[in-house]
PDB file of N, CA and C in Angstrom:
ATOM      1  N   MET A   1     -23.702  16.883  -4.529  1.00  0.00           N
ATOM      2  CA  MET A   1     -23.471  16.341  -5.856  1.00  0.00           C
ATOM      3  C   MET A   1     -23.133  17.501  -6.790  1.00  0.00           C
ATOM      4  N   THR A   2     -22.125  17.302  -7.575  1.00  0.00           N
ATOM      5  CA  THR A   2     -21.719  18.270  -8.591  1.00  0.00           C
ATOM      6  C   THR A   2     -22.029  17.680  -9.952  1.00  0.00           C
ATOM      7  N   GLU A   3     -22.592  18.495 -10.831  1.00  0.00           N
ATOM      8  CA  GLU A   3     -22.905  18.046 -12.183  1.00  0.00           C
ATOM      9  C   GLU A   3     -22.301  19.025 -13.178  1.00  0.00           C
ATOM     10  N   VAL A   4     -21.616  18.483 -14.172  1.00  0.00           N
ATOM     11  CA  VAL A   4     -21.072  19.307 -15.245  1.00  0.00           C
ATOM     12  C   VAL A   4     -21.509  18.731 -16.584  1.00  0.00           C
ATOM     13  N   GLU A   5     -21.656  19.622 -17.551  1.00  0.00           N
ATOM     14  CA  GLU A   5     -21.944  19.221 -18.925  1.00  0.00           C
ATOM     15  C   GLU A   5     -20.755  19.606 -19.781  1.00  0.00           C
ATOM     16  N   ILE A   6     -20.303  18.676 -20.589  1.00  0.00           N
ATOM     17  CA  ILE A   6     -19.164  18.903 -21.473  1.00  0.00           C
ATOM     18  C   ILE A   6     -19.631  18.681 -22.905  1.00  0.00           C
ATOM     19  N   VAL A   7     -19.500  19.698 -23.738  1.00  0.00           N
ATOM     20  CA  VAL A   7     -19.765  19.568 -25.171  1.00  0.00           C
ATOM     21  C   VAL A   7     -18.394  19.632 -25.826  1.00  0.00           C
ATOM     22  N   SER A   8     -17.998  18.523 -26.403  1.00  0.00           N
ATOM     23  CA  SER A   8     -16.596  18.328 -26.755  1.00  0.00           C
ATOM     24  C   SER A   8     -16.085  19.100 -27.957  1.00  0.00           C
ATOM     25  N   GLY A   9     -16.911  19.620 -28.778  1.00  0.00           N
ATOM     26  CA  GLY A   9     -16.421  20.378 -29.924  1.00  0.00           C
ATOM     27  C   GLY A   9     -17.023  19.897 -31.214  1.00  0.00           C
ATOM     28  N   ILE A  10     -16.193  19.746 -32.217  1.00  0.00           N
ATOM     29  CA  ILE A  10     -16.659  19.455 -33.566  1.00  0.00           C
ATOM     30  C   ILE A  10     -17.381  18.108 -33.661  1.00  0.00           C
ATOM     31  N   CYS A  11     -17.055  17.176 -32.789  1.00  0.00           N
ATOM     32  CA  CYS A  11     -17.750  15.885 -32.809  1.00  0.00           C
ATOM     33  C   CYS A  11     -19.206  16.029 -32.377  1.00  0.00           C
ATOM     34  N   GLY A  12     -19.498  17.063 -31.582  1.00  0.00           N
ATOM     35  CA  GLY A  12     -20.865  17.327 -31.146  1.00  0.00           C
ATOM     36  C   GLY A  12     -21.337  16.453 -30.000  1.00  0.00           C
ATOM     37  N   PHE A  13     -20.474  15.597 -29.491  1.00  0.00           N
ATOM     38  CA  PHE A  13     -20.885  14.717 -28.403  1.00  0.00           C
ATOM     39  C   PHE A  13     -21.034  15.491 -27.102  1.00  0.00           C
ATOM     40  N   ARG A  14     -22.058  15.126 -26.361  1.00  0.00           N
ATOM     41  CA  ARG A  14     -22.362  15.755 -25.084  1.00  0.00           C
ATOM     42  C   ARG A  14     -22.134  14.713 -23.990  1.00  0.00           C
ATOM     43  N   THR A  15     -21.489  15.140 -22.915  1.00  0.00           N
ATOM     44  CA  THR A  15     -21.236  14.269 -21.774  1.00  0.00           C
ATOM     45  C   THR A  15     -21.696  14.985 -20.513  1.00  0.00           C
ATOM     46  N   VAL A  16     -22.394  14.273 -19.651  1.00  0.00           N
ATOM     47  CA  VAL A  16     -22.796  14.800 -18.352  1.00  0.00           C
ATOM     48  C   VAL A  16     -22.084  13.974 -17.290  1.00  0.00           C
ATOM     49  N   VAL A  17     -21.417  14.676 -16.379  1.00  0.00           N
ATOM     50  CA  VAL A  17     -20.672  14.031 -15.298  1.00  0.00           C
ATOM     51  C   VAL A  17     -21.298  14.445 -13.975  1.00  0.00           C
ATOM     52  N   ARG A  18     -21.575  13.464 -13.131  1.00  0.00           N
ATOM     53  CA  ARG A  18     -22.046  13.723 -11.781  1.00  0.00           C
ATOM     54  C   ARG A  18     -21.026  13.133 -10.819  1.00  0.00           C
ATOM     55  N   SER A  19     -20.566  13.971  -9.914  1.00  0.00           N
ATOM     56  CA  SER A  19     -19.577  13.546  -8.933  1.00  0.00           C
ATOM     57  C   SER A  19     -20.141  13.788  -7.538  1.00  0.00           C
ATOM     58  N   GLU A  20     -20.150  12.740  -6.746  1.00  0.00           N
ATOM     59  CA  GLU A  20     -20.655  12.853  -5.379  1.00  0.00           C
ATOM     60  C   GLU A  20     -19.533  12.472  -4.419  1.00  0.00           C
ATOM     61  N   ALA A  21     -19.099  13.448  -3.645  1.00  0.00           N
ATOM     62  CA  ALA A  21     -18.009  13.219  -2.704  1.00  0.00           C
ATOM     63  C   ALA A  21     -18.480  12.357  -1.543  1.00  0.00           C
ATOM     64  N   GLN A  22     -17.612  11.483  -1.109  1.00  0.00           N
ATOM     65  CA  GLN A  22     -17.823  10.645   0.068  1.00  0.00           C
ATOM     66  C   GLN A  22     -16.808  11.079   1.119  1.00  0.00           C
ATOM     67  N   LYS A  23     -16.794  10.423   2.247  1.00  0.00           N
ATOM     68  CA  LYS A  23     -15.796  10.780   3.260  1.00  0.00           C
ATOM     69  C   LYS A  23     -14.400  10.369   2.787  1.00  0.00           C
ATOM     70  N   ASP A  24     -13.417  10.958   3.399  1.00  0.00           N
ATOM     71  CA  ASP A  24     -12.009  10.669   3.090  1.00  0.00           C
ATOM     72  C   ASP A  24     -11.635  10.972   1.650  1.00  0.00           C
ATOM     73  N   TYR A  25     -12.268  11.976   1.046  1.00  0.00           N
ATOM     74  CA  TYR A  25     -11.944  12.452  -0.299  1.00  0.00           C
ATOM     75  C   TYR A  25     -12.081  11.392  -1.388  1.00  0.00           C
ATOM     76  N   HIS A  26     -13.010  10.507  -1.227  1.00  0.00           N
ATOM     77  CA  HIS A  26     -13.378   9.598  -2.306  1.00  0.00           C
ATOM     78  C   HIS A  26     -14.624  10.156  -2.970  1.00  0.00           C
ATOM     79  N   ALA A  27     -14.837   9.810  -4.215  1.00  0.00           N
ATOM     80  CA  ALA A  27     -16.023  10.293  -4.925  1.00  0.00           C
ATOM     81  C   ALA A  27     -16.545   9.210  -5.849  1.00  0.00           C
ATOM     82  N   ASN A  28     -17.861   9.181  -5.958  1.00  0.00           N
ATOM     83  CA  ASN A  28     -18.525   8.315  -6.922  1.00  0.00           C
ATOM     84  C   ASN A  28     -18.807   9.133  -8.171  1.00  0.00           C
ATOM     85  N   LEU A  29     -18.559   8.530  -9.314  1.00  0.00           N
ATOM     86  CA  LEU A  29     -18.775   9.204 -10.589  1.00  0.00           C
ATOM     87  C   LEU A  29     -19.869   8.510 -11.387  1.00  0.00           C
ATOM     88  N   GLN A  30     -20.715   9.314 -11.997  1.00  0.00           N
ATOM     89  CA  GLN A  30     -21.681   8.832 -12.982  1.00  0.00           C
ATOM     90  C   GLN A  30     -21.410   9.637 -14.250  1.00  0.00           C
ATOM     91  N   VAL A  31     -21.230   8.946 -15.347  1.00  0.00           N
ATOM     92  CA  VAL A  31     -20.933   9.612 -16.615  1.00  0.00           C
ATOM     93  C   VAL A  31     -21.927   9.118 -17.660  1.00  0.00           C
ATOM     94  N   GLU A  32     -22.624  10.061 -18.269  1.00  0.00           N
ATOM     95  CA  GLU A  32     -23.523   9.753 -19.377  1.00  0.00           C
ATOM     96  C   GLU A  32     -22.996  10.490 -20.598  1.00  0.00           C
ATOM     97  N   SER A  33     -22.895   9.790 -21.716  1.00  0.00           N
ATOM     98  CA  SER A  33     -22.318  10.418 -22.894  1.00  0.00           C
ATOM     99  C   SER A  33     -22.925   9.864 -24.172  1.00  0.00           C
ATOM    100  N   ASP A  34     -22.925  10.709 -25.206  1.00  0.00           N
ATOM    101  CA  ASP A  34     -23.292  10.275 -26.547  1.00  0.00           C
ATOM    102  C   ASP A  34     -22.142   9.494 -27.199  1.00  0.00           C
ATOM    103  N   CYS A  35     -20.941   9.648 -26.659  1.00  0.00           N
ATOM    104  CA  CYS A  35     -19.730   9.061 -27.237  1.00  0.00           C
ATOM    105  C   CYS A  35     -19.476   7.662 -26.678  1.00  0.00           C
ATOM    106  N   GLN A  36     -19.357   6.695 -27.560  1.00  0.00           N
ATOM    107  CA  GLN A  36     -19.092   5.317 -27.142  1.00  0.00           C
ATOM    108  C   GLN A  36     -17.740   5.187 -26.441  1.00  0.00           C
ATOM    109  N   ASN A  37     -16.747   5.956 -26.870  1.00  0.00           N
ATOM    110  CA  ASN A  37     -15.424   5.899 -26.253  1.00  0.00           C
ATOM    111  C   ASN A  37     -15.469   6.402 -24.813  1.00  0.00           C
ATOM    112  N   VAL A  38     -16.210   7.477 -24.584  1.00  0.00           N
ATOM    113  CA  VAL A  38     -16.357   8.013 -23.223  1.00  0.00           C
ATOM    114  C   VAL A  38     -17.109   7.018 -22.354  1.00  0.00           C
ATOM    115  N   LYS A  39     -18.112   6.360 -22.912  1.00  0.00           N
ATOM    116  CA  LYS A  39     -18.851   5.346 -22.151  1.00  0.00           C
ATOM    117  C   LYS A  39     -17.927   4.229 -21.688  1.00  0.00           C
ATOM    118  N   GLN A  40     -17.040   3.782 -22.573  1.00  0.00           N
ATOM    119  CA  GLN A  40     -16.078   2.736 -22.197  1.00  0.00           C
ATOM    120  C   GLN A  40     -15.125   3.241 -21.119  1.00  0.00           C
ATOM    121  N   MET A  41     -14.657   4.458 -21.274  1.00  0.00           N
ATOM    122  CA  MET A  41     -13.757   5.042 -20.289  1.00  0.00           C
ATOM    123  C   MET A  41     -14.430   5.103 -18.922  1.00  0.00           C
ATOM    124  N   ALA A  42     -15.696   5.519 -18.907  1.00  0.00           N
ATOM    125  CA  ALA A  42     -16.431   5.710 -17.658  1.00  0.00           C
ATOM    126  C   ALA A  42     -16.598   4.414 -16.870  1.00  0.00           C
ATOM    127  N   GLU A  43     -16.620   3.294 -17.567  1.00  0.00           N
ATOM    128  CA  GLU A  43     -16.742   2.004 -16.877  1.00  0.00           C
ATOM    129  C   GLU A  43     -15.561   1.736 -15.949  1.00  0.00           C
ATOM    130  N   ASN A  44     -14.451   2.414 -16.188  1.00  0.00           N
ATOM    131  CA  ASN A  44     -13.225   2.182 -15.410  1.00  0.00           C
ATOM    132  C   ASN A  44     -12.969   3.223 -14.335  1.00  0.00           C
ATOM    133  N   ILE A  45     -13.859   4.181 -14.194  1.00  0.00           N
ATOM    134  CA  ILE A  45     -13.618   5.258 -13.219  1.00  0.00           C
ATOM    135  C   ILE A  45     -14.886   5.584 -12.423  1.00  0.00           C
ATOM    136  N   LYS A  46     -15.531   4.590 -11.883  1.00  0.00           N
ATOM    137  CA  LYS A  46     -16.782   4.813 -11.154  1.00  0.00           C
ATOM    138  C   LYS A  46     -16.559   5.360  -9.749  1.00  0.00           C
ATOM    139  N   GLN A  47     -15.449   5.020  -9.137  1.00  0.00           N
ATOM    140  CA  GLN A  47     -15.117   5.567  -7.825  1.00  0.00           C
ATOM    141  C   GLN A  47     -13.627   5.878  -7.808  1.00  0.00           C
ATOM    142  N   VAL A  48     -13.294   7.075  -7.332  1.00  0.00           N
ATOM    143  CA  VAL A  48     -11.889   7.489  -7.321  1.00  0.00           C
ATOM    144  C   VAL A  48     -11.545   8.194  -6.015  1.00  0.00           C
ATOM    145  N   ASN A  49     -10.271   8.208  -5.717  1.00  0.00           N
ATOM    146  CA  ASN A  49      -9.732   8.980  -4.609  1.00  0.00           C
ATOM    147  C   ASN A  49      -9.382  10.356  -5.168  1.00  0.00           C
ATOM    148  N   VAL A  50     -10.114  11.367  -4.760  1.00  0.00           N
ATOM    149  CA  VAL A  50      -9.957  12.703  -5.343  1.00  0.00           C
ATOM    150  C   VAL A  50      -8.557  13.255  -5.103  1.00  0.00           C
ATOM    151  N   MET A  51      -8.029  13.082  -3.921  1.00  0.00           N
ATOM    152  CA  MET A  51      -6.692  13.614  -3.625  1.00  0.00           C
ATOM    153  C   MET A  51      -5.636  12.968  -4.517  1.00  0.00           C
ATOM    154  N   ALA A  52      -5.745  11.678  -4.724  1.00  0.00           N
ATOM    155  CA  ALA A  52      -4.797  10.989  -5.613  1.00  0.00           C
ATOM    156  C   ALA A  52      -4.965  11.464  -7.050  1.00  0.00           C
ATOM    157  N   GLU A  53      -6.208  11.667  -7.481  1.00  0.00           N
ATOM    158  CA  GLU A  53      -6.460  12.132  -8.850  1.00  0.00           C
ATOM    159  C   GLU A  53      -5.864  13.507  -9.104  1.00  0.00           C
ATOM    160  N   LEU A  54      -5.986  14.394  -8.148  1.00  0.00           N
ATOM    161  CA  LEU A  54      -5.601  15.792  -8.369  1.00  0.00           C
ATOM    162  C   LEU A  54      -4.172  16.121  -7.972  1.00  0.00           C
ATOM    163  N   PHE A  55      -3.606  15.386  -7.010  1.00  0.00           N
ATOM    164  CA  PHE A  55      -2.325  15.815  -6.464  1.00  0.00           C
ATOM    165  C   PHE A  55      -1.214  14.772  -6.487  1.00  0.00           C
ATOM    166  N   GLN A  56      -1.535  13.552  -6.815  1.00  0.00           N
ATOM    167  CA  GLN A  56      -0.524  12.503  -6.845  1.00  0.00           C
ATOM    168  C   GLN A  56       0.370  12.668  -8.064  1.00  0.00           C
ATOM    169  N   LYS A  57       1.632  12.517  -7.870  1.00  0.00           N
ATOM    170  CA  LYS A  57       2.527  12.533  -9.027  1.00  0.00           C
ATOM    171  C   LYS A  57       2.343  11.219  -9.784  1.00  0.00           C
ATOM    172  N   GLY A  58       2.441  11.299 -11.075  1.00  0.00           N
ATOM    173  CA  GLY A  58       2.239  10.114 -11.878  1.00  0.00           C
ATOM    174  C   GLY A  58       0.859  10.122 -12.513  1.00  0.00           C
ATOM    175  N   GLU A  59       0.398   8.981 -12.896  1.00  0.00           N
ATOM    176  CA  GLU A  59      -0.830   8.852 -13.675  1.00  0.00           C
ATOM    177  C   GLU A  59      -2.059   8.712 -12.791  1.00  0.00           C
ATOM    178  N   SER A  60      -3.067   9.508 -13.066  1.00  0.00           N
ATOM    179  CA  SER A  60      -4.341   9.377 -12.370  1.00  0.00           C
ATOM    180  C   SER A  60      -5.196   8.342 -13.096  1.00  0.00           C
ATOM    181  N   GLN A  61      -6.220   7.829 -12.406  1.00  0.00           N
ATOM    182  CA  GLN A  61      -7.144   6.879 -13.027  1.00  0.00           C
ATOM    183  C   GLN A  61      -7.849   7.510 -14.217  1.00  0.00           C
ATOM    184  N   VAL A  62      -8.281   8.757 -14.048  1.00  0.00           N
ATOM    185  CA  VAL A  62      -9.023   9.437 -15.114  1.00  0.00           C
ATOM    186  C   VAL A  62      -8.146   9.624 -16.343  1.00  0.00           C
ATOM    187  N   LEU A  63      -6.938  10.116 -16.153  1.00  0.00           N
ATOM    188  CA  LEU A  63      -6.055  10.341 -17.302  1.00  0.00           C
ATOM    189  C   LEU A  63      -5.623   9.028 -17.948  1.00  0.00           C
ATOM    190  N   SER A  64      -5.399   8.021 -17.135  1.00  0.00           N
ATOM    191  CA  SER A  64      -5.036   6.717 -17.676  1.00  0.00           C
ATOM    192  C   SER A  64      -6.175   6.133 -18.511  1.00  0.00           C
ATOM    193  N   ALA A  65      -7.400   6.222 -17.999  1.00  0.00           N
ATOM    194  CA  ALA A  65      -8.558   5.715 -18.742  1.00  0.00           C
ATOM    195  C   ALA A  65      -8.784   6.519 -20.016  1.00  0.00           C
ATOM    196  N   SER A  66      -8.579   7.834 -19.945  1.00  0.00           N
ATOM    197  CA  SER A  66      -8.769   8.646 -21.147  1.00  0.00           C
ATOM    198  C   SER A  66      -7.736   8.294 -22.212  1.00  0.00           C
ATOM    199  N   ARG A  67      -6.518   8.051 -21.799  1.00  0.00           N
ATOM    200  CA  ARG A  67      -5.474   7.670 -22.752  1.00  0.00           C
ATOM    201  C   ARG A  67      -5.797   6.318 -23.389  1.00  0.00           C
ATOM    202  N   GLN A  68      -6.399   5.431 -22.615  1.00  0.00           N
ATOM    203  CA  GLN A  68      -6.710   4.100 -23.117  1.00  0.00           C
ATOM    204  C   GLN A  68      -7.914   4.096 -24.064  1.00  0.00           C
ATOM    205  N   TYR A  69      -8.947   4.904 -23.768  1.00  0.00           N
ATOM    206  CA  TYR A  69     -10.203   4.789 -24.503  1.00  0.00           C
ATOM    207  C   TYR A  69     -10.533   5.934 -25.453  1.00  0.00           C
ATOM    208  N   LEU A  70      -9.981   7.110 -25.218  1.00  0.00           N
ATOM    209  CA  LEU A  70     -10.340   8.242 -26.066  1.00  0.00           C
ATOM    210  C   LEU A  70      -9.367   8.367 -27.230  1.00  0.00           C
ATOM    211  N   PRO A  71      -9.867   8.485 -28.447  1.00  0.00           N
ATOM    212  CA  PRO A  71      -8.981   8.514 -29.614  1.00  0.00           C
ATOM    213  C   PRO A  71      -8.253   9.841 -29.805  1.00  0.00           C
ATOM    214  N   HIS A  72      -8.678  10.878 -29.123  1.00  0.00           N
ATOM    215  CA  HIS A  72      -8.062  12.196 -29.295  1.00  0.00           C
ATOM    216  C   HIS A  72      -7.551  12.723 -27.967  1.00  0.00           C
ATOM    217  N   VAL A  73      -6.277  13.020 -27.888  1.00  0.00           N
ATOM    218  CA  VAL A  73      -5.686  13.538 -26.659  1.00  0.00           C
ATOM    219  C   VAL A  73      -6.283  14.902 -26.282  1.00  0.00           C
ATOM    220  N   THR A  74      -6.852  15.610 -27.245  1.00  0.00           N
ATOM    221  CA  THR A  74      -7.416  16.932 -26.982  1.00  0.00           C
ATOM    222  C   THR A  74      -8.869  16.896 -26.517  1.00  0.00           C
ATOM    223  N   CYS A  75      -9.452  15.731 -26.375  1.00  0.00           N
ATOM    224  CA  CYS A  75     -10.833  15.631 -25.893  1.00  0.00           C
ATOM    225  C   CYS A  75     -10.917  16.230 -24.490  1.00  0.00           C
ATOM    226  N   PRO A  76     -11.838  17.177 -24.258  1.00  0.00           N
ATOM    227  CA  PRO A  76     -11.914  17.856 -22.971  1.00  0.00           C
ATOM    228  C   PRO A  76     -12.635  17.076 -21.872  1.00  0.00           C
ATOM    229  N   VAL A  77     -13.107  15.876 -22.152  1.00  0.00           N
ATOM    230  CA  VAL A  77     -13.895  15.134 -21.168  1.00  0.00           C
ATOM    231  C   VAL A  77     -13.087  14.829 -19.910  1.00  0.00           C
ATOM    232  N   ALA A  78     -11.850  14.395 -20.051  1.00  0.00           N
ATOM    233  CA  ALA A  78     -11.044  14.055 -18.867  1.00  0.00           C
ATOM    234  C   ALA A  78     -10.880  15.256 -17.944  1.00  0.00           C
ATOM    235  N   VAL A  79     -10.586  16.407 -18.506  1.00  0.00           N
ATOM    236  CA  VAL A  79     -10.438  17.616 -17.692  1.00  0.00           C
ATOM    237  C   VAL A  79     -11.762  17.979 -17.031  1.00  0.00           C
ATOM    238  N   GLY A  80     -12.868  17.820 -17.755  1.00  0.00           N
ATOM    239  CA  GLY A  80     -14.182  18.086 -17.177  1.00  0.00           C
ATOM    240  C   GLY A  80     -14.474  17.177 -15.994  1.00  0.00           C
ATOM    241  N   ILE A  81     -14.102  15.912 -16.103  1.00  0.00           N
ATOM    242  CA  ILE A  81     -14.290  14.971 -15.002  1.00  0.00           C
ATOM    243  C   ILE A  81     -13.448  15.399 -13.803  1.00  0.00           C
ATOM    244  N   LEU A  82     -12.203  15.762 -14.044  1.00  0.00           N
ATOM    245  CA  LEU A  82     -11.328  16.190 -12.953  1.00  0.00           C
ATOM    246  C   LEU A  82     -11.849  17.459 -12.273  1.00  0.00           C
ATOM    247  N   LYS A  83     -12.368  18.397 -13.055  1.00  0.00           N
ATOM    248  CA  LYS A  83     -12.948  19.610 -12.468  1.00  0.00           C
ATOM    249  C   LYS A  83     -14.170  19.273 -11.618  1.00  0.00           C
ATOM    250  N   ALA A  84     -15.004  18.348 -12.078  1.00  0.00           N
ATOM    251  CA  ALA A  84     -16.173  17.932 -11.297  1.00  0.00           C
ATOM    252  C   ALA A  84     -15.746  17.308  -9.972  1.00  0.00           C
ATOM    253  N   LEU A  85     -14.723  16.468 -10.019  1.00  0.00           N
ATOM    254  CA  LEU A  85     -14.205  15.864  -8.789  1.00  0.00           C
ATOM    255  C   LEU A  85     -13.705  16.925  -7.820  1.00  0.00           C
ATOM    256  N   GLU A  86     -12.953  17.872  -8.343  1.00  0.00           N
ATOM    257  CA  GLU A  86     -12.370  18.937  -7.527  1.00  0.00           C
ATOM    258  C   GLU A  86     -13.452  19.734  -6.798  1.00  0.00           C
ATOM    259  N   VAL A  87     -14.494  20.097  -7.515  1.00  0.00           N
ATOM    260  CA  VAL A  87     -15.582  20.879  -6.919  1.00  0.00           C
ATOM    261  C   VAL A  87     -16.385  20.038  -5.937  1.00  0.00           C
ATOM    262  N   SER A  88     -16.692  18.797  -6.298  1.00  0.00           N
ATOM    263  CA  SER A  88     -17.517  17.971  -5.409  1.00  0.00           C
ATOM    264  C   SER A  88     -16.831  17.706  -4.073  1.00  0.00           C
ATOM    265  N   ALA A  89     -15.510  17.661  -4.069  1.00  0.00           N
ATOM    266  CA  ALA A  89     -14.758  17.433  -2.831  1.00  0.00           C
ATOM    267  C   ALA A  89     -14.510  18.721  -2.050  1.00  0.00           C
ATOM    268  N   GLY A  90     -14.981  19.847  -2.567  1.00  0.00           N
ATOM    269  CA  GLY A  90     -14.805  21.116  -1.874  1.00  0.00           C
ATOM    270  C   GLY A  90     -13.417  21.717  -2.029  1.00  0.00           C
ATOM    271  N   LEU A  91     -12.693  21.294  -3.046  1.00  0.00           N
ATOM    272  CA  LEU A  91     -11.333  21.789  -3.267  1.00  0.00           C
ATOM    273  C   LEU A  91     -11.278  22.952  -4.249  1.00  0.00           C
ATOM    274  N   ALA A  92     -12.416  23.293  -4.827  1.00  0.00           N
ATOM    275  CA  ALA A  92     -12.515  24.442  -5.742  1.00  0.00           C
ATOM    276  C   ALA A  92     -13.963  24.895  -5.767  1.00  0.00           C
ATOM    277  N   LEU A  93     -14.159  26.114  -6.174  1.00  0.00           N
ATOM    278  CA  LEU A  93     -15.501  26.645  -6.361  1.00  0.00           C
ATOM    279  C   LEU A  93     -15.945  26.367  -7.792  1.00  0.00           C
ATOM    280  N   PRO A  94     -17.245  26.174  -8.005  1.00  0.00           N
ATOM    281  CA  PRO A  94     -17.711  25.926  -9.368  1.00  0.00           C
ATOM    282  C   PRO A  94     -17.623  27.183 -10.225  1.00  0.00           C
ATOM    283  N   LYS A  95     -16.907  27.091 -11.308  1.00  0.00           N
ATOM    284  CA  LYS A  95     -16.748  28.195 -12.256  1.00  0.00           C
ATOM    285  C   LYS A  95     -16.584  27.586 -13.636  1.00  0.00           C
ATOM    286  N   ASP A  96     -17.371  28.073 -14.596  1.00  0.00           N
ATOM    287  CA  ASP A  96     -17.272  27.557 -15.960  1.00  0.00           C
ATOM    288  C   ASP A  96     -15.884  27.795 -16.534  1.00  0.00           C
ATOM    289  N   VAL A  97     -15.459  26.863 -17.358  1.00  0.00           N
ATOM    290  CA  VAL A  97     -14.176  26.931 -18.048  1.00  0.00           C
ATOM    291  C   VAL A  97     -14.473  27.017 -19.538  1.00  0.00           C
ATOM    292  N   THR A  98     -13.749  27.859 -20.262  1.00  0.00           N
ATOM    293  CA  THR A  98     -13.980  27.972 -21.702  1.00  0.00           C
ATOM    294  C   THR A  98     -12.656  27.957 -22.465  1.00  0.00           C
ATOM    295  N   ILE A  99     -12.743  27.493 -23.675  1.00  0.00           N
ATOM    296  CA  ILE A  99     -11.659  27.627 -24.648  1.00  0.00           C
ATOM    297  C   ILE A  99     -12.284  28.321 -25.837  1.00  0.00           C
ATOM    298  N   THR A 100     -11.758  29.457 -26.191  1.00  0.00           N
ATOM    299  CA  THR A 100     -12.351  30.257 -27.266  1.00  0.00           C
ATOM    300  C   THR A 100     -11.344  30.404 -28.399  1.00  0.00           C
ATOM    301  N   PHE A 101     -11.752  30.023 -29.592  1.00  0.00           N
ATOM    302  CA  PHE A 101     -10.908  30.221 -30.770  1.00  0.00           C
ATOM    303  C   PHE A 101     -11.110  31.628 -31.283  1.00  0.00           C
ATOM    304  N   ARG A 102     -10.036  32.332 -31.442  1.00  0.00           N
ATOM    305  CA  ARG A 102     -10.082  33.705 -31.976  1.00  0.00           C
ATOM    306  C   ARG A 102      -9.649  33.629 -33.426  1.00  0.00           C
ATOM    307  N   ARG A 103     -10.470  34.191 -34.288  1.00  0.00           N
ATOM    308  CA  ARG A 103     -10.169  34.147 -35.715  1.00  0.00           C
ATOM    309  C   ARG A 103      -9.751  35.498 -36.207  1.00  0.00           C
TER     310      ARG A 103
END
């Protein structure tokens, strides 16, 4: 099981994603969030095909759900979910990702 915490920024909402890989590159997702929009999005992405999410041309389930439910295209939750999937399936090593504003 892979677990990531995403703190989205100025909104202050915290999201925890748990991804558990199954056989044949499928994964079960559990998403807990302070954000009502993320909660709605999570209802549509409980189980995904990791290979299709990461490598299929066209729209992934995660990106499609984020476009439908999240009001801001810059919300980092979708990318955090995809990174959790990638690591849980053994396709990447766990490494923190940061975006730093330089003033």
